[in-house]
Amino acid sequence: MRLTGILALLCGLALVLALQDLLLSALRLPLAAPDLLLAVVAAVAFVRGPRAGLLTGFLVGFAADLTPPAAHAVGSQAFVLCLSGYLAGRIAPAVRGTVLRPILVVAGLAALAPVLYTALDYAVGSGAVQGVAAAAAASALYAGVLAPFVVPAVGFLLSRGESRLPTQRSHSKLPGVKTLNRRTSAGSTQVL
């Protein structure tokens, strides 16, 4: 990835973080706020795989942990988004080519998030288990509503940024390059 791609990614993640904090958290919906960060991390993982989902989840989660309205332990959101990004990336081959499966995966990850937050708070000694099921259901519902808009948009933006460099398999499609038969020349190429 080039420097411009990295800068564009960082600016996009900062925009998503600002939208989450300023717009979606201010909606005051019952039981939970829509989790745009989780939907974006899952969409990145669907396109780029588990490693990119893990890294994006950590970066976005850690940035969200450090923003001022955070009322939880530093690192908890980074952990949850990191784990969610990794899981979405591992599930990505199963959701390709369908419309409903990515929405269900994002909703399932959003339902898992309040459980993980509560488990982390409980492990630190400040958590209460009350209302976790209702928060998980509301979070899944809100993420399921966000996912049809977020996943295709992130997929489109990430696919636009891919470089069109030839791969090892596609080098024979370049003009002026001919691949010889593997048996006769052991895969060598010749330029016409």
N, C-alpha and C. Protein backbone atom coordinates (compact mmCIF):
# COMPACT_ATOMS: atom_id res chain seq x y z
N MET A 1 0.85 -1.16 0.00
CA MET A 1 0.00 0.00 0.00
C MET A 1 0.90 1.23 0.00
N ARG A 2 0.56 2.18 -0.82
CA ARG A 2 1.35 3.40 -0.93
C ARG A 2 1.01 4.36 0.19
N LEU A 3 1.82 5.40 0.32
CA LEU A 3 1.62 6.39 1.36
C LEU A 3 0.27 7.08 1.21
N THR A 4 -0.13 7.37 -0.01
CA THR A 4 -1.44 8.01 -0.20
C THR A 4 -2.58 7.10 0.23
N GLY A 5 -2.43 5.79 0.00
CA GLY A 5 -3.45 4.84 0.46
C GLY A 5 -3.54 4.77 1.97
N ILE A 6 -2.38 4.81 2.62
CA ILE A 6 -2.36 4.78 4.08
C ILE A 6 -2.97 6.05 4.65
N LEU A 7 -2.64 7.20 4.07
CA LEU A 7 -3.22 8.46 4.53
C LEU A 7 -4.73 8.49 4.30
N ALA A 8 -5.18 7.98 3.17
CA ALA A 8 -6.62 7.93 2.90
C ALA A 8 -7.33 7.02 3.89
N LEU A 9 -6.69 5.88 4.22
CA LEU A 9 -7.27 4.97 5.20
C LEU A 9 -7.37 5.62 6.58
N LEU A 10 -6.33 6.30 6.99
CA LEU A 10 -6.35 6.97 8.30
C LEU A 10 -7.39 8.08 8.34
N CYS A 11 -7.52 8.84 7.26
CA CYS A 11 -8.54 9.89 7.22
C CYS A 11 -9.95 9.29 7.24
N GLY A 12 -10.14 8.19 6.53
CA GLY A 12 -11.44 7.52 6.54
C GLY A 12 -11.79 6.99 7.91
N LEU A 13 -10.81 6.40 8.59
CA LEU A 13 -11.07 5.88 9.94
C LEU A 13 -11.35 7.01 10.92
N ALA A 14 -10.67 8.15 10.75
CA ALA A 14 -10.95 9.30 11.62
C ALA A 14 -12.36 9.83 11.36
N LEU A 15 -12.79 9.81 10.12
CA LEU A 15 -14.15 10.25 9.78
C LEU A 15 -15.19 9.32 10.39
N VAL A 16 -14.94 8.02 10.31
CA VAL A 16 -15.87 7.04 10.89
C VAL A 16 -15.94 7.22 12.40
N LEU A 17 -14.81 7.44 13.03
CA LEU A 17 -14.79 7.66 14.48
C LEU A 17 -15.56 8.92 14.86
N ALA A 18 -15.40 9.98 14.07
CA ALA A 18 -16.13 11.22 14.33
C ALA A 18 -17.62 11.03 14.13
N LEU A 19 -18.01 10.31 13.08
CA LEU A 19 -19.43 10.04 12.86
C LEU A 19 -20.04 9.23 14.00
N GLN A 20 -19.28 8.26 14.50
CA GLN A 20 -19.77 7.44 15.61
C GLN A 20 -19.98 8.30 16.85
N ASP A 21 -19.00 9.13 17.17
CA ASP A 21 -19.08 9.92 18.39
C ASP A 21 -20.06 11.07 18.30
N LEU A 22 -20.08 11.75 17.18
CA LEU A 22 -20.91 12.95 17.09
C LEU A 22 -22.35 12.68 16.68
N LEU A 23 -22.54 11.74 15.78
CA LEU A 23 -23.88 11.55 15.23
C LEU A 23 -24.63 10.38 15.85
N LEU A 24 -24.04 9.20 15.79
CA LEU A 24 -24.78 8.01 16.22
C LEU A 24 -24.92 7.91 17.73
N SER A 25 -23.92 8.34 18.47
CA SER A 25 -24.03 8.30 19.93
C SER A 25 -25.02 9.33 20.46
N ALA A 26 -25.23 10.39 19.68
CA ALA A 26 -26.16 11.45 20.11
C ALA A 26 -27.62 11.12 19.80
N LEU A 27 -27.87 10.02 19.10
CA LEU A 27 -29.25 9.67 18.75
C LEU A 27 -30.09 9.28 19.96
N ARG A 28 -29.47 8.76 20.98
CA ARG A 28 -30.17 8.33 22.20
C ARG A 28 -31.24 7.29 21.93
N LEU A 29 -30.88 6.27 21.18
CA LEU A 29 -31.79 5.16 20.94
C LEU A 29 -31.85 4.28 22.18
N PRO A 30 -32.94 3.55 22.38
CA PRO A 30 -33.06 2.74 23.59
C PRO A 30 -32.06 1.58 23.61
N LEU A 31 -31.49 1.34 24.77
CA LEU A 31 -30.65 0.21 25.12
C LEU A 31 -29.23 0.26 24.58
N ALA A 32 -28.99 0.79 23.41
CA ALA A 32 -27.64 0.81 22.85
C ALA A 32 -27.57 1.84 21.73
N ALA A 33 -26.35 2.17 21.35
CA ALA A 33 -26.14 3.07 20.22
C ALA A 33 -25.72 2.21 19.02
N PRO A 34 -26.08 2.60 17.82
CA PRO A 34 -25.62 1.86 16.64
C PRO A 34 -24.09 1.88 16.58
N ASP A 35 -23.49 0.76 16.28
CA ASP A 35 -22.03 0.64 16.30
C ASP A 35 -21.48 0.69 14.88
N LEU A 36 -21.25 1.90 14.39
CA LEU A 36 -20.70 2.09 13.06
C LEU A 36 -19.27 1.56 12.99
N LEU A 37 -18.53 1.69 14.06
CA LEU A 37 -17.15 1.22 14.08
C LEU A 37 -17.08 -0.28 13.82
N LEU A 38 -17.94 -1.04 14.46
CA LEU A 38 -17.95 -2.48 14.26
C LEU A 38 -18.34 -2.84 12.84
N ALA A 39 -19.31 -2.13 12.27
CA ALA A 39 -19.73 -2.41 10.90
C ALA A 39 -18.61 -2.12 9.90
N VAL A 40 -17.87 -1.05 10.12
CA VAL A 40 -16.76 -0.71 9.23
C VAL A 40 -15.63 -1.72 9.36
N VAL A 41 -15.30 -2.10 10.59
CA VAL A 41 -14.24 -3.08 10.81
C VAL A 41 -14.61 -4.41 10.16
N ALA A 42 -15.85 -4.83 10.31
CA ALA A 42 -16.29 -6.09 9.68
C ALA A 42 -16.25 -5.98 8.16
N ALA A 43 -16.63 -4.83 7.60
CA ALA A 43 -16.59 -4.65 6.15
C ALA A 43 -15.16 -4.70 5.63
N VAL A 44 -14.22 -4.08 6.35
CA VAL A 44 -12.81 -4.15 5.95
C VAL A 44 -12.33 -5.60 6.00
N ALA A 45 -12.74 -6.32 7.02
CA ALA A 45 -12.33 -7.72 7.15
C ALA A 45 -12.95 -8.58 6.06
N PHE A 46 -14.17 -8.29 5.63
CA PHE A 46 -14.78 -9.04 4.55
C PHE A 46 -13.99 -8.88 3.25
N VAL A 47 -13.47 -7.68 3.02
CA VAL A 47 -12.76 -7.40 1.78
C VAL A 47 -11.29 -7.82 1.85
N ARG A 48 -10.63 -7.52 2.96
CA ARG A 48 -9.18 -7.71 3.04
C ARG A 48 -8.73 -8.92 3.84
N GLY A 49 -9.61 -9.56 4.60
CA GLY A 49 -9.23 -10.75 5.33
C GLY A 49 -9.04 -10.52 6.82
N PRO A 50 -8.71 -11.60 7.56
CA PRO A 50 -8.65 -11.51 9.02
C PRO A 50 -7.53 -10.62 9.55
N ARG A 51 -6.39 -10.61 8.89
CA ARG A 51 -5.27 -9.79 9.38
C ARG A 51 -5.60 -8.31 9.28
N ALA A 52 -6.18 -7.88 8.16
CA ALA A 52 -6.57 -6.49 8.00
C ALA A 52 -7.71 -6.13 8.95
N GLY A 53 -8.64 -7.05 9.17
CA GLY A 53 -9.72 -6.81 10.12
C GLY A 53 -9.21 -6.67 11.54
N LEU A 54 -8.25 -7.49 11.89
CA LEU A 54 -7.64 -7.43 13.22
C LEU A 54 -6.93 -6.10 13.43
N LEU A 55 -6.13 -5.70 12.45
CA LEU A 55 -5.38 -4.45 12.56
C LEU A 55 -6.30 -3.24 12.55
N THR A 56 -7.28 -3.24 11.66
CA THR A 56 -8.23 -2.13 11.61
C THR A 56 -9.04 -2.05 12.90
N GLY A 57 -9.46 -3.19 13.40
CA GLY A 57 -10.21 -3.20 14.66
C GLY A 57 -9.39 -2.66 15.82
N PHE A 58 -8.11 -3.03 15.86
CA PHE A 58 -7.27 -2.52 16.93
C PHE A 58 -7.08 -1.01 16.81
N LEU A 59 -6.77 -0.52 15.60
CA LEU A 59 -6.52 0.92 15.43
C LEU A 59 -7.76 1.75 15.72
N VAL A 60 -8.89 1.34 15.17
CA VAL A 60 -10.13 2.09 15.39
C VAL A 60 -10.56 1.98 16.85
N GLY A 61 -10.45 0.80 17.41
CA GLY A 61 -10.85 0.62 18.81
C GLY A 61 -9.97 1.39 19.78
N PHE A 62 -8.68 1.39 19.53
CA PHE A 62 -7.78 2.12 20.41
C PHE A 62 -8.00 3.62 20.30
N ALA A 63 -8.24 4.09 19.06
CA ALA A 63 -8.57 5.51 18.89
C ALA A 63 -9.87 5.86 19.59
N ALA A 64 -10.85 4.97 19.52
CA ALA A 64 -12.13 5.21 20.21
C ALA A 64 -11.96 5.16 21.72
N ASP A 65 -11.04 4.32 22.20
CA ASP A 65 -10.79 4.27 23.64
C ASP A 65 -10.17 5.57 24.15
N LEU A 66 -9.42 6.24 23.31
CA LEU A 66 -8.72 7.45 23.74
C LEU A 66 -9.52 8.73 23.54
N THR A 67 -10.64 8.68 22.83
CA THR A 67 -11.44 9.89 22.64
C THR A 67 -12.15 10.25 23.95
N PRO A 68 -12.35 11.53 24.21
CA PRO A 68 -12.82 11.99 25.52
C PRO A 68 -14.11 11.41 26.07
N PRO A 69 -15.19 11.17 25.32
CA PRO A 69 -16.38 10.69 26.03
C PRO A 69 -16.32 9.23 26.45
N ALA A 70 -15.17 8.58 26.36
CA ALA A 70 -15.06 7.16 26.73
C ALA A 70 -15.23 7.00 28.23
N ALA A 71 -16.11 6.10 28.63
CA ALA A 71 -16.40 5.86 30.04
C ALA A 71 -16.06 4.43 30.43
N HIS A 72 -15.07 3.86 29.78
CA HIS A 72 -14.69 2.48 30.04
C HIS A 72 -13.16 2.39 30.09
N ALA A 73 -12.68 1.23 30.45
CA ALA A 73 -11.24 1.03 30.55
C ALA A 73 -10.60 1.12 29.17
N VAL A 74 -9.43 1.75 29.13
CA VAL A 74 -8.70 1.88 27.86
C VAL A 74 -8.28 0.50 27.39
N GLY A 75 -8.61 0.19 26.17
CA GLY A 75 -8.25 -1.08 25.58
C GLY A 75 -9.42 -2.03 25.41
N SER A 76 -10.51 -1.79 26.08
CA SER A 76 -11.63 -2.73 25.96
C SER A 76 -12.28 -2.65 24.58
N GLN A 77 -12.47 -1.45 24.07
CA GLN A 77 -13.07 -1.33 22.74
C GLN A 77 -12.09 -1.82 21.68
N ALA A 78 -10.81 -1.59 21.89
CA ALA A 78 -9.80 -2.10 20.96
C ALA A 78 -9.83 -3.62 20.92
N PHE A 79 -9.97 -4.25 22.08
CA PHE A 79 -10.03 -5.71 22.13
C PHE A 79 -11.26 -6.24 21.42
N VAL A 80 -12.40 -5.66 21.70
CA VAL A 80 -13.65 -6.15 21.11
C VAL A 80 -13.66 -5.95 19.59
N LEU A 81 -13.23 -4.79 19.12
CA LEU A 81 -13.21 -4.56 17.68
C LEU A 81 -12.13 -5.38 16.98
N CYS A 82 -11.02 -5.60 17.66
CA CYS A 82 -9.95 -6.43 17.13
C CYS A 82 -10.44 -7.87 16.95
N LEU A 83 -11.08 -8.40 17.95
CA LEU A 83 -11.63 -9.75 17.88
C LEU A 83 -12.74 -9.84 16.84
N SER A 84 -13.59 -8.83 16.77
CA SER A 84 -14.67 -8.82 15.78
C SER A 84 -14.12 -8.77 14.36
N GLY A 85 -13.09 -7.95 14.14
CA GLY A 85 -12.48 -7.87 12.82
C GLY A 85 -11.85 -9.19 12.41
N TYR A 86 -11.19 -9.84 13.35
CA TYR A 86 -10.58 -11.13 13.04
C TYR A 86 -11.64 -12.18 12.70
N LEU A 87 -12.69 -12.24 13.51
CA LEU A 87 -13.76 -13.22 13.26
C LEU A 87 -14.47 -12.95 11.92
N ALA A 88 -14.70 -11.68 11.61
CA ALA A 88 -15.34 -11.35 10.33
C ALA A 88 -14.44 -11.73 9.16
N GLY A 89 -13.14 -11.55 9.32
CA GLY A 89 -12.22 -11.94 8.26
C GLY A 89 -12.16 -13.44 8.07
N ARG A 90 -12.26 -14.19 9.15
CA ARG A 90 -12.26 -15.66 9.04
C ARG A 90 -13.54 -16.18 8.40
N ILE A 91 -14.65 -15.48 8.61
CA ILE A 91 -15.93 -15.88 8.05
C ILE A 91 -16.11 -15.35 6.62
N ALA A 92 -15.27 -14.43 6.19
CA ALA A 92 -15.42 -13.75 4.90
C ALA A 92 -15.63 -14.67 3.70
N PRO A 93 -14.90 -15.79 3.57
CA PRO A 93 -15.16 -16.64 2.39
C PRO A 93 -16.58 -17.20 2.34
N ALA A 94 -17.20 -17.38 3.47
CA ALA A 94 -18.56 -17.92 3.51
C ALA A 94 -19.62 -16.88 3.16
N VAL A 95 -19.31 -15.60 3.27
CA VAL A 95 -20.32 -14.58 3.02
C VAL A 95 -20.20 -13.94 1.64
N ARG A 96 -19.16 -14.28 0.90
CA ARG A 96 -18.99 -13.69 -0.43
C ARG A 96 -20.08 -14.18 -1.37
N GLY A 97 -20.58 -13.25 -2.18
CA GLY A 97 -21.57 -13.61 -3.18
C GLY A 97 -23.01 -13.60 -2.69
N THR A 98 -23.22 -13.25 -1.44
CA THR A 98 -24.58 -13.18 -0.92
C THR A 98 -24.85 -11.78 -0.39
N VAL A 99 -26.11 -11.49 -0.20
CA VAL A 99 -26.49 -10.19 0.33
C VAL A 99 -26.83 -10.27 1.81
N LEU A 100 -27.49 -11.32 2.21
CA LEU A 100 -28.00 -11.43 3.57
C LEU A 100 -26.93 -11.87 4.58
N ARG A 101 -26.00 -12.71 4.17
CA ARG A 101 -25.01 -13.24 5.12
C ARG A 101 -24.13 -12.18 5.76
N PRO A 102 -23.59 -11.19 5.01
CA PRO A 102 -22.79 -10.16 5.69
C PRO A 102 -23.60 -9.38 6.73
N ILE A 103 -24.87 -9.15 6.43
CA ILE A 103 -25.72 -8.43 7.38
C ILE A 103 -25.90 -9.25 8.65
N LEU A 104 -26.12 -10.55 8.48
CA LEU A 104 -26.29 -11.42 9.64
C LEU A 104 -25.00 -11.55 10.45
N VAL A 105 -23.86 -11.58 9.77
CA VAL A 105 -22.58 -11.67 10.48
C VAL A 105 -22.33 -10.38 11.28
N VAL A 106 -22.56 -9.24 10.66
CA VAL A 106 -22.38 -7.97 11.37
C VAL A 106 -23.34 -7.88 12.56
N ALA A 107 -24.57 -8.30 12.38
CA ALA A 107 -25.53 -8.30 13.48
C ALA A 107 -25.11 -9.26 14.59
N GLY A 108 -24.60 -10.42 14.22
CA GLY A 108 -24.11 -11.37 15.22
C GLY A 108 -22.91 -10.85 15.99
N LEU A 109 -21.99 -10.20 15.28
CA LEU A 109 -20.83 -9.60 15.97
C LEU A 109 -21.26 -8.46 16.88
N ALA A 110 -22.26 -7.70 16.43
CA ALA A 110 -22.77 -6.60 17.27
C ALA A 110 -23.47 -7.15 18.50
N ALA A 111 -24.12 -8.30 18.39
CA ALA A 111 -24.74 -8.92 19.56
C ALA A 111 -23.69 -9.47 20.51
N LEU A 112 -22.57 -9.90 19.98
CA LEU A 112 -21.49 -10.43 20.80
C LEU A 112 -20.74 -9.32 21.55
N ALA A 113 -20.71 -8.12 20.97
CA ALA A 113 -19.94 -7.02 21.54
C ALA A 113 -20.36 -6.66 22.97
N PRO A 114 -21.65 -6.45 23.28
CA PRO A 114 -22.00 -6.12 24.67
C PRO A 114 -21.64 -7.23 25.66
N VAL A 115 -21.70 -8.47 25.20
CA VAL A 115 -21.31 -9.59 26.07
C VAL A 115 -19.82 -9.51 26.38
N LEU A 116 -19.02 -9.21 25.34
CA LEU A 116 -17.57 -9.09 25.56
C LEU A 116 -17.22 -7.89 26.44
N TYR A 117 -17.90 -6.77 26.23
CA TYR A 117 -17.67 -5.60 27.09
C TYR A 117 -18.00 -5.91 28.54
N THR A 118 -19.10 -6.60 28.77
CA THR A 118 -19.49 -6.96 30.13
C THR A 118 -18.50 -7.94 30.74
N ALA A 119 -18.04 -8.90 29.95
CA ALA A 119 -17.06 -9.86 30.45
C ALA A 119 -15.75 -9.18 30.82
N LEU A 120 -15.33 -8.22 30.00
CA LEU A 120 -14.10 -7.47 30.33
C LEU A 120 -14.29 -6.62 31.58
N ASP A 121 -15.44 -5.96 31.69
CA ASP A 121 -15.72 -5.16 32.90
C ASP A 121 -15.80 -6.04 34.13
N TYR A 122 -16.40 -7.20 33.99
CA TYR A 122 -16.51 -8.13 35.11
C TYR A 122 -15.13 -8.65 35.52
N ALA A 123 -14.27 -8.90 34.55
CA ALA A 123 -12.91 -9.37 34.85
C ALA A 123 -12.10 -8.32 35.60
N VAL A 124 -12.36 -7.05 35.30
CA VAL A 124 -11.66 -5.97 35.99
C VAL A 124 -12.28 -5.71 37.36
N GLY A 125 -13.52 -6.11 37.54
CA GLY A 125 -14.17 -5.97 38.83
C GLY A 125 -15.21 -4.87 38.89
N SER A 126 -15.57 -4.30 37.75
CA SER A 126 -16.54 -3.21 37.78
C SER A 126 -17.77 -3.48 36.94
N GLY A 127 -17.99 -4.71 36.54
CA GLY A 127 -19.08 -5.02 35.64
C GLY A 127 -20.32 -5.53 36.33
N ALA A 128 -21.45 -5.27 35.71
CA ALA A 128 -22.73 -5.81 36.15
C ALA A 128 -23.34 -6.54 34.97
N VAL A 129 -24.00 -7.64 35.24
CA VAL A 129 -24.52 -8.49 34.19
C VAL A 129 -25.95 -8.10 33.81
N GLN A 130 -26.53 -7.15 34.46
CA GLN A 130 -27.92 -6.77 34.22
C GLN A 130 -28.07 -6.09 32.86
N GLY A 131 -29.06 -6.50 32.10
CA GLY A 131 -29.41 -5.85 30.85
C GLY A 131 -28.53 -6.18 29.66
N VAL A 132 -27.67 -7.17 29.78
CA VAL A 132 -26.77 -7.51 28.69
C VAL A 132 -27.53 -8.12 27.52
N ALA A 133 -28.50 -8.95 27.79
CA ALA A 133 -29.26 -9.59 26.71
C ALA A 133 -30.05 -8.57 25.91
N ALA A 134 -30.66 -7.62 26.58
CA ALA A 134 -31.42 -6.58 25.88
C ALA A 134 -30.50 -5.68 25.07
N ALA A 135 -29.34 -5.34 25.64
CA ALA A 135 -28.37 -4.52 24.91
C ALA A 135 -27.82 -5.26 23.71
N ALA A 136 -27.60 -6.57 23.84
CA ALA A 136 -27.11 -7.37 22.71
C ALA A 136 -28.15 -7.43 21.60
N ALA A 137 -29.41 -7.60 21.95
CA ALA A 137 -30.47 -7.64 20.94
C ALA A 137 -30.61 -6.30 20.23
N ALA A 138 -30.58 -5.22 20.99
CA ALA A 138 -30.70 -3.89 20.38
C ALA A 138 -29.49 -3.57 19.51
N SER A 139 -28.31 -3.93 19.97
CA SER A 139 -27.10 -3.70 19.19
C SER A 139 -27.12 -4.48 17.89
N ALA A 140 -27.61 -5.72 17.93
CA ALA A 140 -27.71 -6.53 16.71
C ALA A 140 -28.71 -5.92 15.73
N LEU A 141 -29.82 -5.43 16.25
CA LEU A 141 -30.83 -4.82 15.40
C LEU A 141 -30.28 -3.57 14.72
N TYR A 142 -29.62 -2.70 15.49
CA TYR A 142 -29.08 -1.46 14.93
C TYR A 142 -27.96 -1.75 13.93
N ALA A 143 -27.12 -2.71 14.22
CA ALA A 143 -26.05 -3.05 13.29
C ALA A 143 -26.61 -3.70 12.03
N GLY A 144 -27.67 -4.47 12.17
CA GLY A 144 -28.31 -5.06 11.01
C GLY A 144 -28.93 -4.01 10.10
N VAL A 145 -29.36 -2.91 10.67
CA VAL A 145 -29.90 -1.81 9.87
C VAL A 145 -28.76 -1.04 9.19
N LEU A 146 -27.64 -0.87 9.87
CA LEU A 146 -26.50 -0.14 9.31
C LEU A 146 -25.75 -0.94 8.24
N ALA A 147 -25.66 -2.23 8.41
CA ALA A 147 -24.81 -3.07 7.56
C ALA A 147 -25.11 -2.99 6.07
N PRO A 148 -26.37 -2.96 5.63
CA PRO A 148 -26.61 -2.89 4.18
C PRO A 148 -26.07 -1.62 3.52
N PHE A 149 -25.84 -0.60 4.31
CA PHE A 149 -25.29 0.64 3.76
C PHE A 149 -23.77 0.70 3.90
N VAL A 150 -23.26 0.20 5.01
CA VAL A 150 -21.84 0.33 5.31
C VAL A 150 -21.00 -0.70 4.55
N VAL A 151 -21.40 -1.95 4.54
CA VAL A 151 -20.58 -3.01 3.94
C VAL A 151 -20.35 -2.77 2.45
N PRO A 152 -21.38 -2.47 1.65
CA PRO A 152 -21.09 -2.22 0.23
C PRO A 152 -20.26 -0.96 0.01
N ALA A 153 -20.49 0.09 0.81
CA ALA A 153 -19.73 1.33 0.63
C ALA A 153 -18.25 1.11 0.93
N VAL A 154 -17.95 0.43 2.02
CA VAL A 154 -16.56 0.16 2.37
C VAL A 154 -15.93 -0.78 1.35
N GLY A 155 -16.67 -1.78 0.92
CA GLY A 155 -16.17 -2.69 -0.12
C GLY A 155 -15.84 -1.96 -1.41
N PHE A 156 -16.70 -1.03 -1.81
CA PHE A 156 -16.45 -0.25 -3.01
C PHE A 156 -15.22 0.63 -2.86
N LEU A 157 -15.10 1.30 -1.72
CA LEU A 157 -13.95 2.18 -1.50
C LEU A 157 -12.64 1.40 -1.45
N LEU A 158 -12.65 0.24 -0.82
CA LEU A 158 -11.43 -0.55 -0.75
C LEU A 158 -11.07 -1.18 -2.09
N SER A 159 -12.05 -1.55 -2.87
CA SER A 159 -11.75 -2.15 -4.18
C SER A 159 -11.26 -1.10 -5.17
N ARG A 160 -11.66 0.15 -4.98
CA ARG A 160 -11.16 1.23 -5.83
C ARG A 160 -9.69 1.50 -5.56
N GLY A 161 -9.26 1.30 -4.34
CA GLY A 161 -7.89 1.59 -3.98
C GLY A 161 -6.90 0.49 -4.31
N GLU A 162 -7.39 -0.66 -4.76
CA GLU A 162 -6.48 -1.75 -5.08
C GLU A 162 -5.66 -1.40 -6.31
N SER A 163 -4.42 -1.75 -6.27
CA SER A 163 -3.58 -1.52 -7.44
C SER A 163 -3.85 -2.60 -8.46
N ARG A 164 -3.69 -2.29 -9.67
CA ARG A 164 -3.95 -3.23 -10.76
C ARG A 164 -2.65 -3.84 -11.27
N LEU A 165 -1.74 -4.17 -10.37
CA LEU A 165 -0.50 -4.80 -10.76
C LEU A 165 -0.75 -6.25 -11.14
N PRO A 166 -0.03 -6.75 -12.12
CA PRO A 166 -0.26 -8.14 -12.52
C PRO A 166 0.24 -9.11 -11.47
N THR A 167 -0.48 -10.19 -11.31
CA THR A 167 -0.05 -11.24 -10.41
C THR A 167 0.74 -12.27 -11.18
N GLN A 168 1.26 -13.25 -10.52
CA GLN A 168 2.05 -14.26 -11.18
C GLN A 168 1.22 -15.04 -12.19
N ARG A 169 -0.04 -15.26 -11.89
CA ARG A 169 -0.90 -16.02 -12.79
C ARG A 169 -1.36 -15.20 -13.99
N SER A 170 -1.44 -13.88 -13.83
CA SER A 170 -2.00 -13.07 -14.90
C SER A 170 -0.94 -12.43 -15.78
N HIS A 171 0.33 -12.77 -15.60
CA HIS A 171 1.35 -12.11 -16.41
C HIS A 171 1.28 -12.51 -17.87
N SER A 172 0.65 -13.60 -18.17
CA SER A 172 0.53 -14.01 -19.57
C SER A 172 -0.50 -13.17 -20.31
N LYS A 173 -1.32 -12.41 -19.61
CA LYS A 173 -2.32 -11.58 -20.25
C LYS A 173 -1.78 -10.19 -20.60
N LEU A 174 -0.55 -9.91 -20.23
CA LEU A 174 0.04 -8.63 -20.57
C LEU A 174 0.38 -8.60 -22.05
N PRO A 175 0.25 -7.45 -22.69
CA PRO A 175 0.59 -7.39 -24.10
C PRO A 175 2.09 -7.57 -24.28
N GLY A 176 2.47 -8.40 -25.20
CA GLY A 176 3.88 -8.61 -25.50
C GLY A 176 4.54 -9.70 -24.69
N VAL A 177 3.81 -10.36 -23.76
CA VAL A 177 4.39 -11.42 -22.95
C VAL A 177 3.66 -12.72 -23.27
N LYS A 178 4.44 -13.73 -23.58
CA LYS A 178 3.86 -15.02 -23.90
C LYS A 178 4.47 -16.06 -22.98
N THR A 179 3.63 -16.87 -22.35
CA THR A 179 4.11 -17.94 -21.48
C THR A 179 4.25 -19.20 -22.31
N LEU A 180 5.40 -19.81 -22.22
CA LEU A 180 5.64 -21.04 -22.96
C LEU A 180 5.08 -22.21 -22.19
N ASN A 181 4.94 -23.31 -22.86
CA ASN A 181 4.43 -24.52 -22.23
C ASN A 181 5.35 -24.93 -21.09
N ARG A 182 4.80 -25.28 -19.96
CA ARG A 182 5.57 -25.60 -18.77
C ARG A 182 6.46 -26.82 -18.98
N ARG A 183 6.01 -27.77 -19.72
CA ARG A 183 6.79 -28.99 -19.93
C ARG A 183 8.02 -28.74 -20.79
N THR A 184 7.92 -27.82 -21.72
CA THR A 184 9.04 -27.61 -22.63
C THR A 184 10.05 -26.61 -22.09
N SER A 185 9.58 -25.61 -21.28
CA SER A 185 10.53 -24.58 -20.87
C SER A 185 10.49 -24.28 -19.38
N ALA A 186 9.88 -25.09 -18.61
CA ALA A 186 9.78 -24.94 -17.16
C ALA A 186 9.22 -23.60 -16.74
N GLY A 187 8.22 -23.10 -17.49
CA GLY A 187 7.51 -21.90 -17.08
C GLY A 187 8.21 -20.60 -17.42
N SER A 188 9.18 -20.60 -18.28
CA SER A 188 9.84 -19.35 -18.61
C SER A 188 8.95 -18.51 -19.50
N THR A 189 9.24 -17.24 -19.55
CA THR A 189 8.47 -16.32 -20.38
C THR A 189 9.39 -15.72 -21.43
N GLN A 190 8.81 -15.32 -22.50
CA GLN A 190 9.60 -14.65 -23.52
C GLN A 190 8.82 -13.42 -23.96
N VAL A 191 9.54 -12.37 -24.24
CA VAL A 191 8.94 -11.12 -24.68
C VAL A 191 8.94 -11.11 -26.18
N LEU A 192 7.78 -10.84 -26.77
CA LEU A 192 7.66 -10.82 -28.22
C LEU A 192 8.09 -9.51 -28.79
